[in-house]
Amino acid sequence: MKEFSIYHIFQLIIKNFFIILLSAIVFGVGTFCYCEFHLQERYASTGSVVVTNGGILDSTVQDTQATASDKVNNSDIAASINLLTTVKDILSTSDIYKELSMNLGGKYTYSQLKSFATVTKREDYSLFIDVRFEMNDKDEVARITNMFLELTPDYINKFIPNSSVTIVPTSESGSKTYPQTFIYTAVAMLVGAFLAFVVFYIISLFNTTIESEEEFKERYDIPVLGDIPDFAAAKSGKYGKSYYKGGKYYGN
């Protein structure tokens, strides 16, 4: 079995470059076509909800003549942050999705809508809760997200009276989340090139044929006295008055 160095691996890549490239192209084109014509696209839309205990989003905060007692203080922020986990749980209950289903005319069941949705806290010390819907229609997903957000103020106030709720609607259409065709195609091309190289590497690894005088000297510590001509080629007249040395034919 041959022992390969980085130099030999590099030579192997150069020698079979076009086949390796062709393999990468075939894998890439196949993956691209599979993503574009077989996989179902999915789109996501994200809006936000800000819920406070009433001290932060109160209208008096915007009044330049507000007294010190009207201004936001740390206790208001801390109390509002403590509400986030509760609000997240509220927005994960089934009733709001049932109401959303009714507003959509029963086009989707509440369980379907719930499976489309993800409700998360943005950060540990942020007042924002992100509501994300994902489905296969980029316009529909944005419409459903905004309809859900419109339901949140009244629904949250059923559980947390006197809380202040502000919504941040999403854009008019969702963004594509699946499949990531460009990324999948690039990865497939790398995989195709790697697999082709592995095949050539394994073949070369177990190839015991000595192809040149230099290779013989590298593999065996034996002096070379001379080369044996290729008599079969000489007899056929393929090489004329030629001789074979160092893996090459010389002469006419």
Foldseek 3Di string as FASTA:
>chain_A
DDDDDPVNLVVLCVVCVVVLQVLLVVLLVVLLCCFPPPDFWKFKWKKKKFKWLQLAPPPLCVPPPRDPVSHDDPVRLVRLLVCVVVLLVLLLDQPLLCVLCVVVVVPDHSVVQSVQWDWADPDSRDRMIMIMGMDRFFQVNLVSQQSSQVPSPVSVCVVNPNMDMDMGGTDRTTHIDPDPSVVSSNVSSVVSSVVVSVVSVVVVVPDPDDQFPVSVVVVDVDDDPDDDFPVVCCVVCVLPPWGDHGNDIDDD
